[in-house]
PDB file of all heavy atoms in Angstrom:
ATOM      1  N   THR A   1       0.899  -1.164  -0.037  1.00  0.00           N
ATOM      2  CA  THR A   1      -0.021   0.005  -0.004  1.00  0.00           C
ATOM      3  C   THR A   1       0.965   1.185   0.012  1.00  0.00           C
ATOM      4  O   THR A   1       1.739   1.365   0.891  1.00  0.00           O
ATOM      5  CB  THR A   1      -0.889   0.025   1.259  1.00  0.00           C
ATOM      6  OG1 THR A   1      -1.730  -1.217   1.201  1.00  0.00           O
ATOM      7  CG2 THR A   1      -1.778   1.238   1.295  1.00  0.00           C
ATOM      8  N   TRP A   2       0.762   2.058  -1.016  1.00  0.00           N
ATOM      9  CA  TRP A   2       1.786   3.099  -1.213  1.00  0.00           C
ATOM     10  C   TRP A   2       1.900   4.084  -0.033  1.00  0.00           C
ATOM     11  O   TRP A   2       3.031   4.468   0.377  1.00  0.00           O
ATOM     12  CB  TRP A   2       1.528   3.872  -2.477  1.00  0.00           C
ATOM     13  CG  TRP A   2       2.399   5.062  -2.712  1.00  0.00           C
ATOM     14  CD1 TRP A   2       2.023   6.341  -3.030  1.00  0.00           C
ATOM     15  CD2 TRP A   2       3.823   5.140  -2.633  1.00  0.00           C
ATOM     16  NE1 TRP A   2       3.058   7.203  -3.121  1.00  0.00           N
ATOM     17  CE2 TRP A   2       4.204   6.470  -2.944  1.00  0.00           C
ATOM     18  CE3 TRP A   2       4.825   4.182  -2.409  1.00  0.00           C
ATOM     19  CZ2 TRP A   2       5.549   6.931  -2.959  1.00  0.00           C
ATOM     20  CZ3 TRP A   2       6.134   4.649  -2.473  1.00  0.00           C
ATOM     21  CH2 TRP A   2       6.486   5.934  -2.735  1.00  0.00           C
ATOM     22  N   SER A   3       0.782   4.492   0.511  1.00  0.00           N
ATOM     23  CA  SER A   3       0.861   5.398   1.681  1.00  0.00           C
ATOM     24  C   SER A   3       1.672   4.865   2.836  1.00  0.00           C
ATOM     25  O   SER A   3       2.394   5.574   3.462  1.00  0.00           O
ATOM     26  CB  SER A   3      -0.544   5.783   2.155  1.00  0.00           C
ATOM     27  OG  SER A   3      -1.260   4.612   2.535  1.00  0.00           O
ATOM     28  N   LYS A   4       1.624   3.544   3.015  1.00  0.00           N
ATOM     29  CA  LYS A   4       2.344   2.906   4.118  1.00  0.00           C
ATOM     30  C   LYS A   4       3.852   2.803   3.669  1.00  0.00           C
ATOM     31  O   LYS A   4       4.767   3.196   4.474  1.00  0.00           O
ATOM     32  CB  LYS A   4       1.840   1.492   4.354  1.00  0.00           C
ATOM     33  CG  LYS A   4       0.429   1.381   4.916  1.00  0.00           C
ATOM     34  CD  LYS A   4       0.472   1.454   6.434  1.00  0.00           C
ATOM     35  CE  LYS A   4      -0.860   1.138   6.957  1.00  0.00           C
ATOM     36  NZ  LYS A   4      -0.819   1.191   8.442  1.00  0.00           N
ATOM     37  N   LEU A   5       4.097   2.349   2.475  1.00  0.00           N
ATOM     38  CA  LEU A   5       5.517   2.184   2.073  1.00  0.00           C
ATOM     39  C   LEU A   5       6.270   3.524   2.012  1.00  0.00           C
ATOM     40  O   LEU A   5       7.419   3.649   2.422  1.00  0.00           O
ATOM     41  CB  LEU A   5       5.618   1.580   0.721  1.00  0.00           C
ATOM     42  CG  LEU A   5       6.982   1.393   0.051  1.00  0.00           C
ATOM     43  CD1 LEU A   5       7.936   0.568   0.940  1.00  0.00           C
ATOM     44  CD2 LEU A   5       6.908   0.849  -1.334  1.00  0.00           C
ATOM     45  N   ARG A   6       5.589   4.573   1.601  1.00  0.00           N
ATOM     46  CA  ARG A   6       6.183   5.872   1.493  1.00  0.00           C
ATOM     47  C   ARG A   6       6.745   6.333   2.857  1.00  0.00           C
ATOM     48  O   ARG A   6       7.901   6.780   2.929  1.00  0.00           O
ATOM     49  CB  ARG A   6       5.121   6.887   0.942  1.00  0.00           C
ATOM     50  CG  ARG A   6       5.742   8.190   0.510  1.00  0.00           C
ATOM     51  CD  ARG A   6       4.550   9.097   0.103  1.00  0.00           C
ATOM     52  NE  ARG A   6       5.083  10.363  -0.563  1.00  0.00           N
ATOM     53  CZ  ARG A   6       5.610  11.347   0.030  1.00  0.00           C
ATOM     54  NH1 ARG A   6       5.646  11.405   1.351  1.00  0.00           N
ATOM     55  NH2 ARG A   6       6.083  12.420  -0.664  1.00  0.00           N
ATOM     56  N   ARG A   7       5.947   6.103   3.881  1.00  0.00           N
ATOM     57  CA  ARG A   7       6.392   6.519   5.223  1.00  0.00           C
ATOM     58  C   ARG A   7       7.593   5.704   5.708  1.00  0.00           C
ATOM     59  O   ARG A   7       8.597   6.268   6.266  1.00  0.00           O
ATOM     60  CB  ARG A   7       5.227   6.363   6.198  1.00  0.00           C
ATOM     61  CG  ARG A   7       5.624   6.687   7.672  1.00  0.00           C
ATOM     62  CD  ARG A   7       4.325   6.827   8.494  1.00  0.00           C
ATOM     63  NE  ARG A   7       3.482   5.728   8.477  1.00  0.00           N
ATOM     64  CZ  ARG A   7       3.628   4.674   9.326  1.00  0.00           C
ATOM     65  NH1 ARG A   7       4.612   4.655  10.209  1.00  0.00           N
ATOM     66  NH2 ARG A   7       2.747   3.684   9.321  1.00  0.00           N
ATOM     67  N   TYR A   8       7.571   4.394   5.473  1.00  0.00           N
ATOM     68  CA  TYR A   8       8.667   3.573   5.883  1.00  0.00           C
ATOM     69  C   TYR A   8       9.935   3.858   5.082  1.00  0.00           C
ATOM     70  O   TYR A   8      11.061   3.730   5.651  1.00  0.00           O
ATOM     71  CB  TYR A   8       8.278   2.031   5.791  1.00  0.00           C
ATOM     72  CG  TYR A   8       7.419   1.631   6.936  1.00  0.00           C
ATOM     73  CD1 TYR A   8       6.065   1.597   6.865  1.00  0.00           C
ATOM     74  CD2 TYR A   8       8.011   1.223   8.141  1.00  0.00           C
ATOM     75  CE1 TYR A   8       5.266   1.207   7.925  1.00  0.00           C
ATOM     76  CE2 TYR A   8       7.255   0.806   9.245  1.00  0.00           C
ATOM     77  CZ  TYR A   8       5.883   0.822   9.125  1.00  0.00           C
ATOM     78  OH  TYR A   8       5.082   0.425  10.142  1.00  0.00           O
ATOM     79  N   LEU A   9       9.803   4.151   3.817  1.00  0.00           N
ATOM     80  CA  LEU A   9      11.035   4.503   3.050  1.00  0.00           C
ATOM     81  C   LEU A   9      11.653   5.809   3.611  1.00  0.00           C
ATOM     82  O   LEU A   9      12.909   5.849   3.705  1.00  0.00           O
ATOM     83  CB  LEU A   9      10.630   4.697   1.564  1.00  0.00           C
ATOM     84  CG  LEU A   9      10.258   3.550   0.740  1.00  0.00           C
ATOM     85  CD1 LEU A   9       9.738   3.961  -0.616  1.00  0.00           C
ATOM     86  CD2 LEU A   9      11.369   2.562   0.599  1.00  0.00           C
ATOM     87  N   ILE A  10      10.898   6.769   3.893  1.00  0.00           N
ATOM     88  CA  ILE A  10      11.445   7.997   4.483  1.00  0.00           C
ATOM     89  C   ILE A  10      12.093   7.810   5.775  1.00  0.00           C
ATOM     90  O   ILE A  10      13.184   8.313   6.131  1.00  0.00           O
ATOM     91  CB  ILE A  10      10.325   9.071   4.626  1.00  0.00           C
ATOM     92  CG1 ILE A  10       9.807   9.461   3.154  1.00  0.00           C
ATOM     93  CG2 ILE A  10      10.765  10.320   5.397  1.00  0.00           C
ATOM     94  CD1 ILE A  10       8.573  10.335   3.189  1.00  0.00           C
ATOM     95  N   GLU A  11      11.469   6.991   6.674  1.00  0.00           N
ATOM     96  CA  GLU A  11      12.085   6.678   7.971  1.00  0.00           C
ATOM     97  C   GLU A  11      13.379   5.865   7.841  1.00  0.00           C
ATOM     98  O   GLU A  11      14.312   6.109   8.526  1.00  0.00           O
ATOM     99  CB  GLU A  11      11.056   5.883   8.805  1.00  0.00           C
ATOM    100  CG  GLU A  11       9.872   6.696   9.263  1.00  0.00           C
ATOM    101  CD  GLU A  11       8.841   5.840  10.009  1.00  0.00           C
ATOM    102  OE1 GLU A  11       9.023   4.625  10.145  1.00  0.00           O
ATOM    103  OE2 GLU A  11       7.813   6.462  10.493  1.00  0.00           O
ATOM    104  N   ASP A  12      13.359   4.910   6.831  1.00  0.00           N
ATOM    105  CA  ASP A  12      14.534   4.069   6.689  1.00  0.00           C
ATOM    106  C   ASP A  12      15.749   4.908   6.140  1.00  0.00           C
ATOM    107  O   ASP A  12      16.879   4.754   6.477  1.00  0.00           O
ATOM    108  CB  ASP A  12      14.250   2.967   5.671  1.00  0.00           C
ATOM    109  CG  ASP A  12      15.355   2.111   5.412  1.00  0.00           C
ATOM    110  OD1 ASP A  12      15.736   1.320   6.335  1.00  0.00           O
ATOM    111  OD2 ASP A  12      15.949   2.116   4.287  1.00  0.00           O
ATOM    112  N   GLU A  13      15.431   5.883   5.220  1.00  0.00           N
ATOM    113  CA  GLU A  13      16.498   6.707   4.648  1.00  0.00           C
ATOM    114  C   GLU A  13      17.137   7.608   5.748  1.00  0.00           C
ATOM    115  O   GLU A  13      18.358   7.950   5.662  1.00  0.00           O
ATOM    116  CB  GLU A  13      15.921   7.627   3.578  1.00  0.00           C
ATOM    117  CG  GLU A  13      16.954   8.387   2.779  1.00  0.00           C
ATOM    118  CD  GLU A  13      17.897   7.513   1.961  1.00  0.00           C
ATOM    119  OE1 GLU A  13      17.557   6.337   1.636  1.00  0.00           O
ATOM    120  OE2 GLU A  13      19.027   8.025   1.688  1.00  0.00           O
ATOM    121  N   ALA A  14      16.328   7.979   6.781  1.00  0.00           N
ATOM    122  CA  ALA A  14      16.893   8.851   7.860  1.00  0.00           C
ATOM    123  C   ALA A  14      17.723   8.010   8.797  1.00  0.00           C
ATOM    124  O   ALA A  14      18.411   8.710   9.672  1.00  0.00           O
ATOM    125  CB  ALA A  14      15.707   9.412   8.598  1.00  0.00           C
ATOM    126  N   ASN A  15      17.769   6.721   8.715  1.00  0.00           N
ATOM    127  CA  ASN A  15      18.574   5.887   9.631  1.00  0.00           C
ATOM    128  C   ASN A  15      19.952   5.662   8.963  1.00  0.00           C
ATOM    129  O   ASN A  15      20.048   4.889   8.022  1.00  0.00           O
ATOM    130  CB  ASN A  15      17.893   4.569   9.886  1.00  0.00           C
ATOM    131  CG  ASN A  15      18.652   3.643  10.738  1.00  0.00           C
ATOM    132  OD1 ASN A  15      19.748   3.975  11.305  1.00  0.00           O
ATOM    133  ND2 ASN A  15      18.131   2.446  10.993  1.00  0.00           N
ATOM    134  N   PRO A  16      21.039   6.240   9.600  1.00  0.00           N
ATOM    135  CA  PRO A  16      22.354   6.121   8.917  1.00  0.00           C
ATOM    136  C   PRO A  16      22.904   4.656   9.015  1.00  0.00           C
ATOM    137  O   PRO A  16      23.866   4.352   8.327  1.00  0.00           O
ATOM    138  CB  PRO A  16      23.210   7.112   9.762  1.00  0.00           C
ATOM    139  CG  PRO A  16      22.497   7.298  11.094  1.00  0.00           C
ATOM    140  CD  PRO A  16      21.049   7.126  10.779  1.00  0.00           C
ATOM    141  N   ASP A  17      22.249   3.848   9.895  1.00  0.00           N
ATOM    142  CA  ASP A  17      22.854   2.459   9.998  1.00  0.00           C
ATOM    143  C   ASP A  17      22.101   1.521   9.116  1.00  0.00           C
ATOM    144  O   ASP A  17      22.412   0.284   9.104  1.00  0.00           O
ATOM    145  CB  ASP A  17      22.650   2.045  11.487  1.00  0.00           C
ATOM    146  CG  ASP A  17      23.511   2.830  12.452  1.00  0.00           C
ATOM    147  OD1 ASP A  17      24.622   3.268  12.014  1.00  0.00           O
ATOM    148  OD2 ASP A  17      23.034   3.210  13.544  1.00  0.00           O
ATOM    149  N   SER A  18      21.159   1.992   8.326  1.00  0.00           N
ATOM    150  CA  SER A  18      20.338   1.074   7.567  1.00  0.00           C
ATOM    151  C   SER A  18      21.088   0.655   6.297  1.00  0.00           C
ATOM    152  O   SER A  18      21.843   1.459   5.718  1.00  0.00           O
ATOM    153  CB  SER A  18      18.999   1.732   7.185  1.00  0.00           C
ATOM    154  OG  SER A  18      18.258   0.907   6.273  1.00  0.00           O
ATOM    155  N   SER A  19      20.877  -0.533   5.823  1.00  0.00           N
ATOM    156  CA  SER A  19      21.310  -0.964   4.517  1.00  0.00           C
ATOM    157  C   SER A  19      20.436  -0.608   3.377  1.00  0.00           C
ATOM    158  O   SER A  19      20.703  -0.827   2.182  1.00  0.00           O
ATOM    159  CB  SER A  19      21.447  -2.519   4.496  1.00  0.00           C
ATOM    160  OG  SER A  19      22.336  -2.965   5.495  1.00  0.00           O
ATOM    161  N   ASN A  20      19.294   0.059   3.692  1.00  0.00           N
ATOM    162  CA  ASN A  20      18.283   0.557   2.722  1.00  0.00           C
ATOM    163  C   ASN A  20      17.881  -0.578   1.773  1.00  0.00           C
ATOM    164  O   ASN A  20      17.778  -0.438   0.584  1.00  0.00           O
ATOM    165  CB  ASN A  20      18.889   1.708   1.926  1.00  0.00           C
ATOM    166  CG  ASN A  20      19.399   2.828   2.750  1.00  0.00           C
ATOM    167  OD1 ASN A  20      20.597   3.184   2.648  1.00  0.00           O
ATOM    168  ND2 ASN A  20      18.521   3.388   3.610  1.00  0.00           N
ATOM    169  N   ASP A  21      17.537  -1.674   2.458  1.00  0.00           N
ATOM    170  CA  ASP A  21      17.144  -2.885   1.630  1.00  0.00           C
ATOM    171  C   ASP A  21      15.755  -3.380   2.120  1.00  0.00           C
ATOM    172  O   ASP A  21      15.433  -3.326   3.348  1.00  0.00           O
ATOM    173  CB  ASP A  21      18.222  -3.980   1.904  1.00  0.00           C
ATOM    174  CG  ASP A  21      17.874  -5.239   1.118  1.00  0.00           C
ATOM    175  OD1 ASP A  21      18.332  -5.333  -0.082  1.00  0.00           O
ATOM    176  OD2 ASP A  21      17.301  -6.243   1.686  1.00  0.00           O
ATOM    177  N   PHE A  22      14.918  -3.863   1.191  1.00  0.00           N
ATOM    178  CA  PHE A  22      13.579  -4.345   1.579  1.00  0.00           C
ATOM    179  C   PHE A  22      13.688  -5.562   2.550  1.00  0.00           C
ATOM    180  O   PHE A  22      13.032  -5.530   3.575  1.00  0.00           O
ATOM    181  CB  PHE A  22      12.803  -4.718   0.357  1.00  0.00           C
ATOM    182  CG  PHE A  22      12.210  -3.517  -0.374  1.00  0.00           C
ATOM    183  CD1 PHE A  22      12.691  -3.023  -1.590  1.00  0.00           C
ATOM    184  CD2 PHE A  22      11.134  -2.827   0.240  1.00  0.00           C
ATOM    185  CE1 PHE A  22      12.122  -1.981  -2.179  1.00  0.00           C
ATOM    186  CE2 PHE A  22      10.569  -1.717  -0.407  1.00  0.00           C
ATOM    187  CZ  PHE A  22      11.053  -1.309  -1.654  1.00  0.00           C
ATOM    188  N   GLY A  23      14.425  -6.556   2.191  1.00  0.00           N
ATOM    189  CA  GLY A  23      14.498  -7.742   3.006  1.00  0.00           C
ATOM    190  C   GLY A  23      15.162  -7.514   4.351  1.00  0.00           C
ATOM    191  O   GLY A  23      14.720  -8.081   5.389  1.00  0.00           O
ATOM    192  N   LYS A  24      16.229  -6.700   4.410  1.00  0.00           N
ATOM    193  CA  LYS A  24      16.970  -6.501   5.626  1.00  0.00           C
ATOM    194  C   LYS A  24      16.350  -5.434   6.531  1.00  0.00           C
ATOM    195  O   LYS A  24      16.559  -5.470   7.704  1.00  0.00           O
ATOM    196  CB  LYS A  24      18.437  -6.117   5.240  1.00  0.00           C
ATOM    197  CG  LYS A  24      19.189  -7.211   4.582  1.00  0.00           C
ATOM    198  CD  LYS A  24      20.615  -6.748   4.264  1.00  0.00           C
ATOM    199  CE  LYS A  24      21.402  -7.836   3.501  1.00  0.00           C
ATOM    200  NZ  LYS A  24      22.733  -7.357   3.036  1.00  0.00           N
ATOM    201  N   ASN A  25      15.659  -4.477   5.952  1.00  0.00           N
ATOM    202  CA  ASN A  25      15.282  -3.298   6.730  1.00  0.00           C
ATOM    203  C   ASN A  25      13.760  -2.954   6.705  1.00  0.00           C
ATOM    204  O   ASN A  25      13.168  -2.888   7.767  1.00  0.00           O
ATOM    205  CB  ASN A  25      16.056  -2.037   6.273  1.00  0.00           C
ATOM    206  CG  ASN A  25      17.594  -2.273   6.338  1.00  0.00           C
ATOM    207  OD1 ASN A  25      18.182  -2.394   5.229  1.00  0.00           O
ATOM    208  ND2 ASN A  25      18.119  -2.338   7.488  1.00  0.00           N
ATOM    209  N   ILE A  26      13.242  -2.847   5.477  1.00  0.00           N
ATOM    210  CA  ILE A  26      11.827  -2.445   5.388  1.00  0.00           C
ATOM    211  C   ILE A  26      10.873  -3.498   5.968  1.00  0.00           C
ATOM    212  O   ILE A  26      10.006  -3.191   6.777  1.00  0.00           O
ATOM    213  CB  ILE A  26      11.423  -2.101   3.962  1.00  0.00           C
ATOM    214  CG1 ILE A  26      12.282  -0.987   3.372  1.00  0.00           C
ATOM    215  CG2 ILE A  26       9.968  -1.776   3.838  1.00  0.00           C
ATOM    216  CD1 ILE A  26      12.153   0.323   4.091  1.00  0.00           C
ATOM    217  N   ILE A  27      11.001  -4.764   5.535  1.00  0.00           N
ATOM    218  CA  ILE A  27      10.110  -5.769   6.041  1.00  0.00           C
ATOM    219  C   ILE A  27      10.221  -5.966   7.536  1.00  0.00           C
ATOM    220  O   ILE A  27       9.196  -6.060   8.221  1.00  0.00           O
ATOM    221  CB  ILE A  27      10.367  -7.108   5.279  1.00  0.00           C
ATOM    222  CG1 ILE A  27      10.097  -6.945   3.772  1.00  0.00           C
ATOM    223  CG2 ILE A  27       9.505  -8.234   5.848  1.00  0.00           C
ATOM    224  CD1 ILE A  27       8.747  -6.468   3.408  1.00  0.00           C
ATOM    225  N   PRO A  28      11.443  -6.105   8.100  1.00  0.00           N
ATOM    226  CA  PRO A  28      11.559  -6.209   9.532  1.00  0.00           C
ATOM    227  C   PRO A  28      11.003  -4.939  10.291  1.00  0.00           C
ATOM    228  O   PRO A  28      10.427  -5.161  11.371  1.00  0.00           O
ATOM    229  CB  PRO A  28      13.112  -6.318   9.760  1.00  0.00           C
ATOM    230  CG  PRO A  28      13.653  -6.922   8.510  1.00  0.00           C
ATOM    231  CD  PRO A  28      12.853  -6.309   7.438  1.00  0.00           C
ATOM    232  N   ALA A  29      11.142  -3.790   9.711  1.00  0.00           N
ATOM    233  CA  ALA A  29      10.630  -2.598  10.339  1.00  0.00           C
ATOM    234  C   ALA A  29       9.064  -2.645  10.396  1.00  0.00           C
ATOM    235  O   ALA A  29       8.456  -2.298  11.431  1.00  0.00           O
ATOM    236  CB  ALA A  29      11.071  -1.316   9.661  1.00  0.00           C
ATOM    237  N   MET A  30       8.457  -3.084   9.283  1.00  0.00           N
ATOM    238  CA  MET A  30       7.005  -3.188   9.271  1.00  0.00           C
ATOM    239  C   MET A  30       6.519  -4.236  10.300  1.00  0.00           C
ATOM    240  O   MET A  30       5.508  -4.075  10.965  1.00  0.00           O
ATOM    241  CB  MET A  30       6.552  -3.531   7.900  1.00  0.00           C
ATOM    242  CG  MET A  30       6.824  -2.445   6.849  1.00  0.00           C
ATOM    243  SD  MET A  30       6.208  -2.725   5.233  1.00  0.00           S
ATOM    244  CE  MET A  30       4.625  -1.964   5.308  1.00  0.00           C
ATOM    245  N   LEU A  31       7.252  -5.358  10.352  1.00  0.00           N
ATOM    246  CA  LEU A  31       6.885  -6.428  11.343  1.00  0.00           C
ATOM    247  C   LEU A  31       6.968  -5.888  12.740  1.00  0.00           C
ATOM    248  O   LEU A  31       6.134  -6.130  13.600  1.00  0.00           O
ATOM    249  CB  LEU A  31       7.698  -7.672  11.123  1.00  0.00           C
ATOM    250  CG  LEU A  31       7.398  -8.530   9.905  1.00  0.00           C
ATOM    251  CD1 LEU A  31       8.483  -9.612   9.719  1.00  0.00           C
ATOM    252  CD2 LEU A  31       5.999  -9.244  10.094  1.00  0.00           C
ATOM    253  N   GLY A  32       8.081  -5.193  12.995  1.00  0.00           N
ATOM    254  CA  GLY A  32       8.315  -4.641  14.320  1.00  0.00           C
ATOM    255  C   GLY A  32       7.301  -3.585  14.691  1.00  0.00           C
ATOM    256  O   GLY A  32       6.997  -3.437  15.942  1.00  0.00           O
ATOM    257  N   ALA A  33       6.635  -2.987  13.723  1.00  0.00           N
ATOM    258  CA  ALA A  33       5.580  -2.013  14.038  1.00  0.00           C
ATOM    259  C   ALA A  33       4.222  -2.648  14.002  1.00  0.00           C
ATOM    260  O   ALA A  33       3.202  -1.942  14.045  1.00  0.00           O
ATOM    261  CB  ALA A  33       5.621  -0.899  13.006  1.00  0.00           C
ATOM    262  N   SER A  34       4.129  -3.945  13.935  1.00  0.00           N
ATOM    263  CA  SER A  34       2.893  -4.776  13.968  1.00  0.00           C
ATOM    264  C   SER A  34       2.034  -4.465  12.776  1.00  0.00           C
ATOM    265  O   SER A  34       0.793  -4.531  12.837  1.00  0.00           O
ATOM    266  CB  SER A  34       2.146  -4.523  15.234  1.00  0.00           C
ATOM    267  OG  SER A  34       2.897  -4.903  16.341  1.00  0.00           O
ATOM    268  N   GLU A  35       2.642  -4.126  11.632  1.00  0.00           N
ATOM    269  CA  GLU A  35       1.859  -3.948  10.412  1.00  0.00           C
ATOM    270  C   GLU A  35       1.438  -5.397   9.940  1.00  0.00           C
ATOM    271  O   GLU A  35       2.117  -6.396  10.212  1.00  0.00           O
ATOM    272  CB  GLU A  35       2.750  -3.296   9.322  1.00  0.00           C
ATOM    273  CG  GLU A  35       3.136  -1.898   9.567  1.00  0.00           C
ATOM    274  CD  GLU A  35       2.068  -0.909   9.360  1.00  0.00           C
ATOM    275  OE1 GLU A  35       0.868  -1.273   9.100  1.00  0.00           O
ATOM    276  OE2 GLU A  35       2.319   0.335   9.520  1.00  0.00           O
ATOM    277  N   LYS A  36       0.335  -5.441   9.219  1.00  0.00           N
ATOM    278  CA  LYS A  36      -0.113  -6.718   8.674  1.00  0.00           C
ATOM    279  C   LYS A  36       0.603  -7.048   7.363  1.00  0.00           C
ATOM    280  O   LYS A  36       0.543  -6.277   6.424  1.00  0.00           O
ATOM    281  CB  LYS A  36      -1.639  -6.694   8.440  1.00  0.00           C
ATOM    282  CG  LYS A  36      -2.182  -8.066   8.092  1.00  0.00           C
ATOM    283  CD  LYS A  36      -3.689  -8.003   8.000  1.00  0.00           C
ATOM    284  CE  LYS A  36      -4.289  -9.422   7.736  1.00  0.00           C
ATOM    285  NZ  LYS A  36      -5.774  -9.352   7.723  1.00  0.00           N
ATOM    286  N   LEU A  37       1.327  -8.196   7.357  1.00  0.00           N
ATOM    287  CA  LEU A  37       2.026  -8.625   6.183  1.00  0.00           C
ATOM    288  C   LEU A  37       1.486 -10.048   5.862  1.00  0.00           C
ATOM    289  O   LEU A  37       1.373 -10.889   6.703  1.00  0.00           O
ATOM    290  CB  LEU A  37       3.534  -8.692   6.407  1.00  0.00           C
ATOM    291  CG  LEU A  37       4.389  -7.427   6.230  1.00  0.00           C
ATOM    292  CD1 LEU A  37       4.020  -6.414   7.337  1.00  0.00           C
ATOM    293  CD2 LEU A  37       5.872  -7.750   6.289  1.00  0.00           C
ATOM    294  N   MET A  38       1.210 -10.226   4.576  1.00  0.00           N
ATOM    295  CA  MET A  38       0.635 -11.458   4.063  1.00  0.00           C
ATOM    296  C   MET A  38       1.566 -12.134   3.064  1.00  0.00           C
ATOM    297  O   MET A  38       2.341 -11.472   2.393  1.00  0.00           O
ATOM    298  CB  MET A  38      -0.698 -11.267   3.403  1.00  0.00           C
ATOM    299  CG  MET A  38      -1.808 -10.761   4.289  1.00  0.00           C
ATOM    300  SD  MET A  38      -2.259 -11.904   5.625  1.00  0.00           S
ATOM    301  CE  MET A  38      -2.920 -13.260   4.644  1.00  0.00           C
ATOM    302  N   ALA A  39       1.552 -13.534   3.059  1.00  0.00           N
ATOM    303  CA  ALA A  39       2.329 -14.253   2.115  1.00  0.00           C
ATOM    304  C   ALA A  39       1.390 -14.723   1.001  1.00  0.00           C
ATOM    305  O   ALA A  39       0.288 -15.209   1.273  1.00  0.00           O
ATOM    306  CB  ALA A  39       2.960 -15.509   2.796  1.00  0.00           C
ATOM    307  N   TYR A  40       1.824 -14.458  -0.236  1.00  0.00           N
ATOM    308  CA  TYR A  40       1.082 -14.980  -1.376  1.00  0.00           C
ATOM    309  C   TYR A  40       1.857 -16.210  -1.951  1.00  0.00           C
ATOM    310  O   TYR A  40       2.977 -16.039  -2.371  1.00  0.00           O
ATOM    311  CB  TYR A  40       0.957 -13.919  -2.466  1.00  0.00           C
ATOM    312  CG  TYR A  40       0.386 -14.370  -3.784  1.00  0.00           C
ATOM    313  CD1 TYR A  40      -0.987 -14.612  -3.967  1.00  0.00           C
ATOM    314  CD2 TYR A  40       1.305 -14.548  -4.866  1.00  0.00           C
ATOM    315  CE1 TYR A  40      -1.409 -15.080  -5.151  1.00  0.00           C
ATOM    316  CE2 TYR A  40       0.770 -15.022  -6.086  1.00  0.00           C
ATOM    317  CZ  TYR A  40      -0.554 -15.309  -6.207  1.00  0.00           C
ATOM    318  OH  TYR A  40      -1.070 -15.754  -7.443  1.00  0.00           O
TER     319      TYR A  40
END
């Protein structure tokens, strides 16, 4: 959902320790924030 991803991208970019990677950073961040993630 673009509105969700947009916010997480901005937060991730502000983190100097991030690898800026979906698998390493964005997905774990969303899980850590209790966002709903589904497997297809």
